[in-house]
Structure formats: C-alpha cells, structure tokens
Amino acid sequence: MSCPPAHVDHVHATPPVSPAAVLLVRRRLMVALGGLLVAFAIAAALREGQILLTWDEPIQRGVESRRTSGLDDFFLTVSRLGSTIPVLTLGTLAAAVTWRRCRAVGTVLLVATFARPLIEFTIKALVDRDRPDFERLVAGNGPSFPSGHVMAAIALWGLLPVVVSLYTRRRAIWWASVGVSVLLVTSISASRVYLGVHWFSDVTAGLVVGAFFLLGTDVLLRRQHLRHPCRLLPPPGSAPGADDALVPPPVEAVDPVGPIDPAVPLDGEPAAAVGSPSSPEALVRRN
C-alpha cells in the first residue's frame, strides 16, 4: 500500500505529544522517576521486600476482599491482553503491517516487541522478589518485580498512537487512540494486583520502567526516520520558514583593494599630477 503525499501538518509528522516531549524537557521528573525505580528495586531485593510490604500487603488484602464475579471476569479478560503470546503475536503482526507504510515504525515495533522480554527478565533476575500468595485467581510464575504484564502492555498498547498516526490525519482520532492506550495499560496494570499475582509496588515499578521504555522507542523512532524517511514526513526544508533557516545570510562583498585613489599609481604607472592636462580636475574644467 502506497503512502499518501507528505504533509507538514500530518499527525505522524507532528504528534501533539510524545514521550520525549514530556520527559526530556523535565529532567527533574526523569531523575525522580529513576530514583524511585532504584529505591523500589533495592527495597524489593533486601529482606524479601519487607519495607515495601508495609503498604503492599494492606493494599493486596484490601483489593482481594472487594472482588466480585463481574470484576473477576473483566480483569481475567483484560489481563490476557498483556500476556506474552498475544503481545509477541500482535507486536510482530503490527510491525509487518506497518513496514511498507513506514519502515521506521515497523522497526520500532519489532525492537519494542522483542527487547521488552530481555529487559524484564534481566531486572527480575537481579531483584528476585517473591510474588504475593494470598488468594490468587491465576497462576503466577517467576519473580514478581517488576510486573511483566505492565511492561508488555506499554510495549504494545503504548505504541498504539504511533500506529494510528500512519492511517489518519485527524488529531481527534489520534487523541482517541491515546485514550484507548491509557485505558488498556491502566486496566492491565490493575488486573495484576486484583488477580493476586503482583504487589502494588511491582506494578508501579513496571509503569516507571515502561515510561523509560517509551522514551527509548521515541528516540529510536526519530533516528530511524532519519535513516529511512517516511513518506508521511515532510521533506527537509518544506516547513514554513525552514528554507530561510537553511540559507545562510548574504555576505557583503569586500573589495580587497579598497577605493581607488587617483593619487595612487596603478600597476606601477605614475599618477597624474593635480593640475596637469590629464588630471581629473583638468578634464572637468576642459569639459
């Protein structure tokens, strides 16, 4: 399928908001999130996470005590949208579908789909925290910190607006995809605590890791667009004023010789004396 002509106002070229626009300009927020993640990881690894259990355990018991059959069905269903097999399948399919339309997006989807498990398993192996074991509604395997479902949801559904931007110019539809993305990630995150397989701090850490993960995919997307320009992006210099910014200001010509002085000889010839028949003054009087 061929791409439509590039347009400077296309939502894919100029999205209303992006992870880089939110985080890179707020360095203190990035430092705070990074510090929170490190603090949670250390607390989860030491003494079997006793520090975090101060609030994790009351939250877990409170959530499990408020279960209903309707919520059980809802969270069991929505949790599957962050499971490994559906995420790997849908991520690969989305990469294949978008590859011809925008190679940069296809590359980012592939990297996000298959890099996320490596990051998840590395952190889990380092922290090695036990899962809650009160009244689980599903089986939980492996370490608990951070929540892999949350990271998977962000790696797949967090990139939904990027995919949608390839197929629409309407910003209202793009914002709707952002709302769907946030709703899915939030619901999947809540399901892990509700089902009894993750502590609240595991889910929080998964969201923080996911935020940095989205920032990395955004940076990768920009670099891939430079290497493999998408037809939906405007060509360099097509934006208003862009050509002016690229054209250097005119340089005023400077005569290396300077103004000609009739009293100064040129090429070794003697200058005409003032008052002589060939001098400028004499020629003016003669005319």
C-alpha atoms as a PDB file:
ATOM      1  CA  MET A   1       0.000   0.000   0.000  1.00  0.00           C
ATOM      2  CA  SER A   2       1.479   3.293  -1.053  1.00  0.00           C
ATOM      3  CA  CYS A   3       1.866   6.197   1.307  1.00  0.00           C
ATOM      4  CA  PRO A   4      -0.044   9.434   0.851  1.00  0.00           C
ATOM      5  CA  PRO A   5       1.926  12.527  -0.021  1.00  0.00           C
ATOM      6  CA  ALA A   6       3.923  14.080   2.762  1.00  0.00           C
ATOM      7  CA  HIS A   7       2.256  16.910   4.604  1.00  0.00           C
ATOM      8  CA  VAL A   8       3.841  19.118   7.177  1.00  0.00           C
ATOM      9  CA  ASP A   9       0.710  19.062   9.353  1.00  0.00           C
ATOM     10  CA  HIS A  10       0.257  15.288   9.301  1.00  0.00           C
ATOM     11  CA  VAL A  11      -0.249  13.897  12.792  1.00  0.00           C
ATOM     12  CA  HIS A  12       2.509  11.351  12.192  1.00  0.00           C
ATOM     13  CA  ALA A  13       4.964  14.135  11.383  1.00  0.00           C
ATOM     14  CA  THR A  14       3.932  16.410  14.240  1.00  0.00           C
ATOM     15  CA  PRO A  15       2.180  14.442  17.008  1.00  0.00           C
ATOM     16  CA  PRO A  16       0.567  16.645  19.655  1.00  0.00           C
ATOM     17  CA  VAL A  17       2.622  14.980  22.389  1.00  0.00           C
ATOM     18  CA  SER A  18       5.358  12.360  22.661  1.00  0.00           C
ATOM     19  CA  PRO A  19       7.363  10.685  25.461  1.00  0.00           C
ATOM     20  CA  ALA A  20      10.425  12.703  24.544  1.00  0.00           C
ATOM     21  CA  ALA A  21       8.452  15.958  24.634  1.00  0.00           C
ATOM     22  CA  VAL A  22       7.200  15.108  28.122  1.00  0.00           C
ATOM     23  CA  LEU A  23      10.322  13.655  29.744  1.00  0.00           C
ATOM     24  CA  LEU A  24      13.380  15.138  28.049  1.00  0.00           C
ATOM     25  CA  VAL A  25      12.367  18.697  28.906  1.00  0.00           C
ATOM     26  CA  ARG A  26      11.667  17.718  32.516  1.00  0.00           C
ATOM     27  CA  ARG A  27      14.993  16.434  33.760  1.00  0.00           C
ATOM     28  CA  ARG A  28      13.930  16.615  37.388  1.00  0.00           C
ATOM     29  CA  LEU A  29      10.990  14.360  36.661  1.00  0.00           C
ATOM     30  CA  MET A  30      13.282  11.866  34.951  1.00  0.00           C
ATOM     31  CA  VAL A  31      15.675  11.904  37.882  1.00  0.00           C
ATOM     32  CA  ALA A  32      12.784  11.457  40.313  1.00  0.00           C
ATOM     33  CA  LEU A  33      11.386   8.502  38.360  1.00  0.00           C
ATOM     34  CA  GLY A  34      14.814   6.931  38.069  1.00  0.00           C
ATOM     35  CA  GLY A  35      15.436   7.395  41.776  1.00  0.00           C
ATOM     36  CA  LEU A  36      12.052   5.898  42.618  1.00  0.00           C
ATOM     37  CA  LEU A  37      12.744   2.852  40.468  1.00  0.00           C
ATOM     38  CA  VAL A  38      16.167   2.256  42.021  1.00  0.00           C
ATOM     39  CA  ALA A  39      14.788   2.708  45.537  1.00  0.00           C
ATOM     40  CA  PHE A  40      11.952   0.248  44.875  1.00  0.00           C
ATOM     41  CA  ALA A  41      14.347  -2.285  43.345  1.00  0.00           C
ATOM     42  CA  ILE A  42      16.717  -2.129  46.316  1.00  0.00           C
ATOM     43  CA  ALA A  43      13.860  -2.329  48.813  1.00  0.00           C
ATOM     44  CA  ALA A  44      12.343  -5.288  46.946  1.00  0.00           C
ATOM     45  CA  ALA A  45      15.656  -7.158  46.889  1.00  0.00           C
ATOM     46  CA  LEU A  46      16.530  -6.640  50.574  1.00  0.00           C
ATOM     47  CA  ARG A  47      14.945  -8.767  53.305  1.00  0.00           C
ATOM     48  CA  GLU A  48      12.368 -10.182  50.897  1.00  0.00           C
ATOM     49  CA  GLY A  49      10.877  -6.768  50.344  1.00  0.00           C
ATOM     50  CA  GLN A  50       9.807  -6.206  53.937  1.00  0.00           C
ATOM     51  CA  ILE A  51       9.971  -2.430  53.577  1.00  0.00           C
ATOM     52  CA  LEU A  52       7.602  -2.431  50.609  1.00  0.00           C
ATOM     53  CA  LEU A  53       5.252  -4.863  52.339  1.00  0.00           C
ATOM     54  CA  THR A  54       4.421  -2.086  54.789  1.00  0.00           C
ATOM     55  CA  TRP A  55       1.870  -0.814  52.278  1.00  0.00           C
ATOM     56  CA  ASP A  56       1.887  -3.612  49.680  1.00  0.00           C
ATOM     57  CA  GLU A  57       0.271  -6.168  51.966  1.00  0.00           C
ATOM     58  CA  PRO A  58      -2.629  -3.970  53.183  1.00  0.00           C
ATOM     59  CA  ILE A  59      -3.343  -2.907  49.590  1.00  0.00           C
ATOM     60  CA  GLN A  60      -3.289  -6.509  48.387  1.00  0.00           C
ATOM     61  CA  ARG A  61      -5.628  -7.753  51.092  1.00  0.00           C
ATOM     62  CA  GLY A  62      -7.960  -4.794  50.604  1.00  0.00           C
ATOM     63  CA  VAL A  63      -8.241  -5.405  46.866  1.00  0.00           C
ATOM     64  CA  GLU A  64      -8.821  -9.132  47.228  1.00  0.00           C
ATOM     65  CA  SER A  65     -11.540  -8.576  49.841  1.00  0.00           C
ATOM     66  CA  ARG A  66     -13.565  -6.491  47.349  1.00  0.00           C
ATOM     67  CA  ARG A  67     -13.696  -8.981  44.488  1.00  0.00           C
ATOM     68  CA  THR A  68     -16.940  -9.642  42.619  1.00  0.00           C
ATOM     69  CA  SER A  69     -17.824 -12.106  39.892  1.00  0.00           C
ATOM     70  CA  GLY A  70     -18.192  -9.284  37.379  1.00  0.00           C
ATOM     71  CA  LEU A  71     -14.792  -7.818  38.211  1.00  0.00           C
ATOM     72  CA  ASP A  72     -13.284 -11.295  38.140  1.00  0.00           C
ATOM     73  CA  ASP A  73     -14.439 -11.801  34.562  1.00  0.00           C
ATOM     74  CA  PHE A  74     -13.357  -8.315  33.493  1.00  0.00           C
ATOM     75  CA  PHE A  75      -9.828  -8.478  34.915  1.00  0.00           C
ATOM     76  CA  LEU A  76      -9.285 -12.069  33.782  1.00  0.00           C
ATOM     77  CA  THR A  77     -10.140 -10.970  30.245  1.00  0.00           C
ATOM     78  CA  VAL A  78      -8.168  -7.726  30.174  1.00  0.00           C
ATOM     79  CA  SER A  79      -5.113  -9.342  31.741  1.00  0.00           C
ATOM     80  CA  ARG A  80      -4.743 -11.605  28.707  1.00  0.00           C
ATOM     81  CA  LEU A  81      -4.077  -8.519  26.567  1.00  0.00           C
ATOM     82  CA  GLY A  82      -0.730  -8.209  28.358  1.00  0.00           C
ATOM     83  CA  SER A  83       0.225 -11.875  28.213  1.00  0.00           C
ATOM     84  CA  THR A  84       3.416 -12.923  26.451  1.00  0.00           C
ATOM     85  CA  ILE A  85       1.995 -14.818  23.481  1.00  0.00           C
ATOM     86  CA  PRO A  86      -0.665 -12.227  22.495  1.00  0.00           C
ATOM     87  CA  VAL A  87       1.831  -9.373  22.858  1.00  0.00           C
ATOM     88  CA  LEU A  88       4.535 -11.094  20.782  1.00  0.00           C
ATOM     89  CA  THR A  89       1.975 -12.090  18.139  1.00  0.00           C
ATOM     90  CA  LEU A  90       0.262  -8.710  17.871  1.00  0.00           C
ATOM     91  CA  GLY A  91       3.547  -6.807  18.002  1.00  0.00           C
ATOM     92  CA  THR A  92       5.037  -8.850  15.169  1.00  0.00           C
ATOM     93  CA  LEU A  93       1.841  -8.544  13.124  1.00  0.00           C
ATOM     94  CA  ALA A  94       1.734  -4.776  13.624  1.00  0.00           C
ATOM     95  CA  ALA A  95       5.363  -4.491  12.522  1.00  0.00           C
ATOM     96  CA  ALA A  96       4.643  -6.465   9.366  1.00  0.00           C
ATOM     97  CA  VAL A  97       1.562  -4.401   8.519  1.00  0.00           C
ATOM     98  CA  THR A  98       3.235  -1.019   9.058  1.00  0.00           C
ATOM     99  CA  TRP A  99       6.600  -1.893   7.457  1.00  0.00           C
ATOM    100  CA  ARG A 100       5.686  -0.853   3.908  1.00  0.00           C
ATOM    101  CA  ARG A 101       3.867   2.257   5.058  1.00  0.00           C
ATOM    102  CA  CYS A 102       6.655   3.452   7.360  1.00  0.00           C
ATOM    103  CA  ARG A 103       9.762   1.349   7.803  1.00  0.00           C
ATOM    104  CA  ALA A 104      10.801   3.332  10.868  1.00  0.00           C
ATOM    105  CA  VAL A 105       7.605   2.422  12.737  1.00  0.00           C
ATOM    106  CA  GLY A 106       7.922  -1.226  11.717  1.00  0.00           C
ATOM    107  CA  THR A 107      11.474  -1.333  13.051  1.00  0.00           C
ATOM    108  CA  VAL A 108      10.479   0.258  16.342  1.00  0.00           C
ATOM    109  CA  LEU A 109       7.627  -2.211  16.804  1.00  0.00           C
ATOM    110  CA  LEU A 110       9.953  -5.167  16.257  1.00  0.00           C
ATOM    111  CA  VAL A 111      12.552  -3.805  18.663  1.00  0.00           C
ATOM    112  CA  ALA A 112       9.927  -2.993  21.300  1.00  0.00           C
ATOM    113  CA  THR A 113       8.274  -6.398  20.974  1.00  0.00           C
ATOM    114  CA  PHE A 114      11.427  -8.458  21.411  1.00  0.00           C
ATOM    115  CA  ALA A 115      13.605  -6.172  23.560  1.00  0.00           C
ATOM    116  CA  ARG A 116      10.981  -5.858  26.292  1.00  0.00           C
ATOM    117  CA  PRO A 117      11.263  -9.513  27.498  1.00  0.00           C
ATOM    118  CA  LEU A 118      15.055  -9.174  27.761  1.00  0.00           C
ATOM    119  CA  ILE A 119      14.781  -6.057  29.911  1.00  0.00           C
ATOM    120  CA  GLU A 120      12.035  -7.612  32.033  1.00  0.00           C
ATOM    121  CA  PHE A 121      13.839 -10.889  32.717  1.00  0.00           C
ATOM    122  CA  THR A 122      17.110  -9.089  33.499  1.00  0.00           C
ATOM    123  CA  ILE A 123      15.524  -6.879  36.155  1.00  0.00           C
ATOM    124  CA  LYS A 124      13.533  -9.778  37.601  1.00  0.00           C
ATOM    125  CA  ALA A 125      16.662 -11.924  37.891  1.00  0.00           C
ATOM    126  CA  LEU A 126      18.541  -9.135  39.652  1.00  0.00           C
ATOM    127  CA  VAL A 127      15.800  -8.325  42.173  1.00  0.00           C
ATOM    128  CA  ASP A 128      14.312 -11.827  42.558  1.00  0.00           C
ATOM    129  CA  ARG A 129      11.280 -10.890  44.638  1.00  0.00           C
ATOM    130  CA  ASP A 130       8.582 -13.398  45.585  1.00  0.00           C
ATOM    131  CA  ARG A 131       5.031 -12.923  44.388  1.00  0.00           C
ATOM    132  CA  PRO A 132       2.090 -12.442  46.747  1.00  0.00           C
ATOM    133  CA  ASP A 133       0.417 -15.709  47.676  1.00  0.00           C
ATOM    134  CA  PHE A 134      -2.881 -14.982  49.394  1.00  0.00           C
ATOM    135  CA  GLU A 135      -5.823 -15.815  47.118  1.00  0.00           C
ATOM    136  CA  ARG A 136      -4.595 -15.877  43.543  1.00  0.00           C
ATOM    137  CA  LEU A 137      -7.116 -16.159  40.747  1.00  0.00           C
ATOM    138  CA  VAL A 138      -4.440 -17.211  38.223  1.00  0.00           C
ATOM    139  CA  ALA A 139      -1.058 -18.867  38.433  1.00  0.00           C
ATOM    140  CA  GLY A 140       1.976 -16.648  38.702  1.00  0.00           C
ATOM    141  CA  ASN A 141       5.379 -17.865  37.547  1.00  0.00           C
ATOM    142  CA  GLY A 142       8.809 -16.404  38.153  1.00  0.00           C
ATOM    143  CA  PRO A 143       9.905 -13.390  40.183  1.00  0.00           C
ATOM    144  CA  SER A 144       7.449 -10.595  40.911  1.00  0.00           C
ATOM    145  CA  PHE A 145       9.389  -7.336  40.429  1.00  0.00           C
ATOM    146  CA  PRO A 146       8.597  -5.594  38.115  1.00  0.00           C
ATOM    147  CA  SER A 147       5.307  -6.649  36.549  1.00  0.00           C
ATOM    148  CA  GLY A 148       5.977  -8.132  33.128  1.00  0.00           C
ATOM    149  CA  HIS A 149       2.363  -7.719  32.063  1.00  0.00           C
ATOM    150  CA  VAL A 150       2.580  -3.990  32.680  1.00  0.00           C
ATOM    151  CA  MET A 151       5.790  -3.666  30.681  1.00  0.00           C
ATOM    152  CA  ALA A 152       4.328  -5.778  27.877  1.00  0.00           C
ATOM    153  CA  ALA A 153       1.165  -3.668  27.807  1.00  0.00           C
ATOM    154  CA  ILE A 154       3.223  -0.492  27.450  1.00  0.00           C
ATOM    155  CA  ALA A 155       5.490  -2.019  24.788  1.00  0.00           C
ATOM    156  CA  LEU A 156       2.463  -2.954  22.666  1.00  0.00           C
ATOM    157  CA  TRP A 157      -0.520  -0.763  23.526  1.00  0.00           C
ATOM    158  CA  GLY A 158       1.657   2.225  24.430  1.00  0.00           C
ATOM    159  CA  LEU A 159       2.681   2.399  20.766  1.00  0.00           C
ATOM    160  CA  LEU A 160      -0.900   2.314  19.513  1.00  0.00           C
ATOM    161  CA  PRO A 161      -0.985   6.101  18.786  1.00  0.00           C
ATOM    162  CA  VAL A 162       2.155   5.751  16.655  1.00  0.00           C
ATOM    163  CA  VAL A 163       0.481   3.086  14.524  1.00  0.00           C
ATOM    164  CA  VAL A 164      -2.803   5.012  14.305  1.00  0.00           C
ATOM    165  CA  SER A 165      -0.949   8.117  13.125  1.00  0.00           C
ATOM    166  CA  LEU A 166       0.007   6.254   9.952  1.00  0.00           C
ATOM    167  CA  TYR A 167      -3.612   5.902   8.902  1.00  0.00           C
ATOM    168  CA  THR A 168      -5.266   9.184   9.824  1.00  0.00           C
ATOM    169  CA  ARG A 169      -4.651  12.908   9.642  1.00  0.00           C
ATOM    170  CA  ARG A 170      -7.344  13.716  12.187  1.00  0.00           C
ATOM    171  CA  ARG A 171      -5.952  14.654  15.569  1.00  0.00           C
ATOM    172  CA  ALA A 172      -9.238  13.773  17.259  1.00  0.00           C
ATOM    173  CA  ILE A 173      -8.794  10.150  16.201  1.00  0.00           C
ATOM    174  CA  TRP A 174      -5.171  10.249  17.352  1.00  0.00           C
ATOM    175  CA  TRP A 175      -6.206  11.539  20.779  1.00  0.00           C
ATOM    176  CA  ALA A 176      -8.861   8.813  20.937  1.00  0.00           C
ATOM    177  CA  SER A 177      -6.127   6.225  20.373  1.00  0.00           C
ATOM    178  CA  VAL A 178      -4.156   7.798  23.225  1.00  0.00           C
ATOM    179  CA  GLY A 179      -7.199   7.393  25.462  1.00  0.00           C
ATOM    180  CA  VAL A 180      -7.588   3.735  24.455  1.00  0.00           C
ATOM    181  CA  SER A 181      -3.882   3.165  25.071  1.00  0.00           C
ATOM    182  CA  VAL A 182      -4.017   4.692  28.559  1.00  0.00           C
ATOM    183  CA  LEU A 183      -7.181   2.761  29.409  1.00  0.00           C
ATOM    184  CA  LEU A 184      -5.695  -0.568  28.345  1.00  0.00           C
ATOM    185  CA  VAL A 185      -2.397  -0.034  30.171  1.00  0.00           C
ATOM    186  CA  THR A 186      -4.216   1.096  33.328  1.00  0.00           C
ATOM    187  CA  SER A 187      -6.658  -1.820  33.229  1.00  0.00           C
ATOM    188  CA  ILE A 188      -3.929  -4.405  32.661  1.00  0.00           C
ATOM    189  CA  SER A 189      -1.886  -2.883  35.479  1.00  0.00           C
ATOM    190  CA  ALA A 190      -4.814  -3.009  37.892  1.00  0.00           C
ATOM    191  CA  SER A 191      -5.619  -6.582  36.876  1.00  0.00           C
ATOM    192  CA  ARG A 192      -2.272  -7.872  38.139  1.00  0.00           C
ATOM    193  CA  VAL A 193      -2.974  -6.678  41.664  1.00  0.00           C
ATOM    194  CA  TYR A 194      -6.617  -7.716  41.504  1.00  0.00           C
ATOM    195  CA  LEU A 195      -5.740 -11.245  40.393  1.00  0.00           C
ATOM    196  CA  GLY A 196      -3.287 -11.556  43.271  1.00  0.00           C
ATOM    197  CA  VAL A 197      -0.108 -12.190  41.266  1.00  0.00           C
ATOM    198  CA  HIS A 198       1.715  -8.883  41.792  1.00  0.00           C
ATOM    199  CA  TRP A 199       2.263  -6.415  44.587  1.00  0.00           C
ATOM    200  CA  PHE A 200       1.255  -2.798  44.100  1.00  0.00           C
ATOM    201  CA  SER A 201       4.933  -1.751  44.066  1.00  0.00           C
ATOM    202  CA  ASP A 202       5.632  -4.313  41.300  1.00  0.00           C
ATOM    203  CA  VAL A 203       3.025  -2.644  39.122  1.00  0.00           C
ATOM    204  CA  THR A 204       4.344   0.822  39.965  1.00  0.00           C
ATOM    205  CA  ALA A 205       7.865  -0.218  39.008  1.00  0.00           C
ATOM    206  CA  GLY A 206       6.553  -1.694  35.763  1.00  0.00           C
ATOM    207  CA  LEU A 207       4.943   1.631  34.876  1.00  0.00           C
ATOM    208  CA  VAL A 208       8.162   3.528  35.574  1.00  0.00           C
ATOM    209  CA  VAL A 209      10.244   1.122  33.506  1.00  0.00           C
ATOM    210  CA  GLY A 210       7.602   1.387  30.797  1.00  0.00           C
ATOM    211  CA  ALA A 211       7.868   5.175  30.776  1.00  0.00           C
ATOM    212  CA  PHE A 212      11.604   4.996  30.126  1.00  0.00           C
ATOM    213  CA  PHE A 213      10.956   2.247  27.591  1.00  0.00           C
ATOM    214  CA  LEU A 214       8.583   4.501  25.644  1.00  0.00           C
ATOM    215  CA  LEU A 215      11.161   7.281  25.785  1.00  0.00           C
ATOM    216  CA  GLY A 216      13.711   4.922  24.253  1.00  0.00           C
ATOM    217  CA  THR A 217      11.324   3.885  21.480  1.00  0.00           C
ATOM    218  CA  ASP A 218      10.574   7.532  20.735  1.00  0.00           C
ATOM    219  CA  VAL A 219      14.287   8.321  20.363  1.00  0.00           C
ATOM    220  CA  LEU A 220      14.740   5.218  18.208  1.00  0.00           C
ATOM    221  CA  LEU A 221      11.806   6.253  16.009  1.00  0.00           C
ATOM    222  CA  ARG A 222      13.353   9.668  15.380  1.00  0.00           C
ATOM    223  CA  ARG A 223      16.678   8.100  14.404  1.00  0.00           C
ATOM    224  CA  GLN A 224      15.004   5.548  12.153  1.00  0.00           C
ATOM    225  CA  HIS A 225      13.085   8.338  10.438  1.00  0.00           C
ATOM    226  CA  LEU A 226      16.415   9.987   9.638  1.00  0.00           C
ATOM    227  CA  ARG A 227      17.826   6.762   8.198  1.00  0.00           C
ATOM    228  CA  HIS A 228      14.641   5.658   6.453  1.00  0.00           C
ATOM    229  CA  PRO A 229      12.491   8.758   5.844  1.00  0.00           C
ATOM    230  CA  CYS A 230       8.786   8.037   5.895  1.00  0.00           C
ATOM    231  CA  ARG A 231       6.663   9.459   3.087  1.00  0.00           C
ATOM    232  CA  LEU A 232       4.296  10.860   5.663  1.00  0.00           C
ATOM    233  CA  LEU A 233       7.027  13.186   6.886  1.00  0.00           C
ATOM    234  CA  PRO A 234       7.616  16.493   5.110  1.00  0.00           C
ATOM    235  CA  PRO A 235      10.849  16.659   3.117  1.00  0.00           C
ATOM    236  CA  PRO A 236      13.645  18.713   4.679  1.00  0.00           C
ATOM    237  CA  GLY A 237      13.023  22.413   4.240  1.00  0.00           C
ATOM    238  CA  SER A 238       9.336  22.081   3.377  1.00  0.00           C
ATOM    239  CA  ALA A 239       8.107  23.583   6.628  1.00  0.00           C
ATOM    240  CA  PRO A 240       7.300  27.297   6.586  1.00  0.00           C
ATOM    241  CA  GLY A 241      10.465  29.255   7.154  1.00  0.00           C
ATOM    242  CA  ALA A 242      12.608  26.138   7.026  1.00  0.00           C
ATOM    243  CA  ASP A 243      14.277  27.107   3.766  1.00  0.00           C
ATOM    244  CA  ASP A 244      15.082  30.539   5.143  1.00  0.00           C
ATOM    245  CA  ALA A 245      16.693  28.967   8.155  1.00  0.00           C
ATOM    246  CA  LEU A 246      18.863  26.761   5.958  1.00  0.00           C
ATOM    247  CA  VAL A 247      20.024  29.532   3.609  1.00  0.00           C
ATOM    248  CA  PRO A 248      22.967  31.464   5.054  1.00  0.00           C
ATOM    249  CA  PRO A 249      22.691  35.258   5.129  1.00  0.00           C
ATOM    250  CA  PRO A 250      24.240  37.089   2.155  1.00  0.00           C
ATOM    251  CA  VAL A 251      27.830  38.084   2.660  1.00  0.00           C
ATOM    252  CA  GLU A 252      28.668  41.640   1.686  1.00  0.00           C
ATOM    253  CA  ALA A 253      31.347  41.746  -0.948  1.00  0.00           C
ATOM    254  CA  VAL A 254      34.574  43.345   0.228  1.00  0.00           C
ATOM    255  CA  ASP A 255      36.963  44.860  -2.257  1.00  0.00           C
ATOM    256  CA  PRO A 256      40.436  43.749  -1.223  1.00  0.00           C
ATOM    257  CA  VAL A 257      41.937  46.748  -2.998  1.00  0.00           C
ATOM    258  CA  GLY A 258      39.628  49.352  -1.464  1.00  0.00           C
ATOM    259  CA  PRO A 259      38.539  52.636  -3.051  1.00  0.00           C
ATOM    260  CA  ILE A 260      40.695  53.863  -5.881  1.00  0.00           C
ATOM    261  CA  ASP A 261      42.720  56.940  -5.096  1.00  0.00           C
ATOM    262  CA  PRO A 262      43.737  58.830  -8.216  1.00  0.00           C
ATOM    263  CA  ALA A 263      46.899  59.888  -6.437  1.00  0.00           C
ATOM    264  CA  VAL A 264      47.989  56.288  -6.000  1.00  0.00           C
ATOM    265  CA  PRO A 265      49.676  54.728  -9.032  1.00  0.00           C
ATOM    266  CA  LEU A 266      48.119  51.590 -10.512  1.00  0.00           C
ATOM    267  CA  ASP A 267      50.284  48.810 -11.991  1.00  0.00           C
ATOM    268  CA  GLY A 268      53.411  50.838 -11.443  1.00  0.00           C
ATOM    269  CA  GLU A 269      52.284  53.795 -13.555  1.00  0.00           C
ATOM    270  CA  PRO A 270      52.802  57.274 -12.090  1.00  0.00           C
ATOM    271  CA  ALA A 271      49.687  59.087 -11.040  1.00  0.00           C
ATOM    272  CA  ALA A 272      48.718  62.213 -12.891  1.00  0.00           C
ATOM    273  CA  ALA A 273      49.714  65.316 -11.012  1.00  0.00           C
ATOM    274  CA  VAL A 274      46.995  67.667  -9.876  1.00  0.00           C
ATOM    275  CA  GLY A 275      46.637  70.443 -12.379  1.00  0.00           C
ATOM    276  CA  SER A 276      48.241  68.508 -15.233  1.00  0.00           C
ATOM    277  CA  PRO A 277      46.350  68.233 -18.551  1.00  0.00           C
ATOM    278  CA  SER A 278      45.481  64.595 -17.831  1.00  0.00           C
ATOM    279  CA  SER A 279      44.424  65.054 -14.230  1.00  0.00           C
ATOM    280  CA  PRO A 280      40.718  64.673 -13.285  1.00  0.00           C
ATOM    281  CA  GLU A 281      40.470  68.320 -12.323  1.00  0.00           C
ATOM    282  CA  ALA A 282      41.824  69.436 -15.670  1.00  0.00           C
ATOM    283  CA  LEU A 283      39.459  67.146 -17.557  1.00  0.00           C
ATOM    284  CA  VAL A 284      36.484  68.520 -15.607  1.00  0.00           C
ATOM    285  CA  ARG A 285      37.489  72.118 -16.396  1.00  0.00           C
ATOM    286  CA  ARG A 286      38.100  71.213 -20.014  1.00  0.00           C
ATOM    287  CA  ASN A 287      34.580  69.770 -20.361  1.00  0.00           C
END
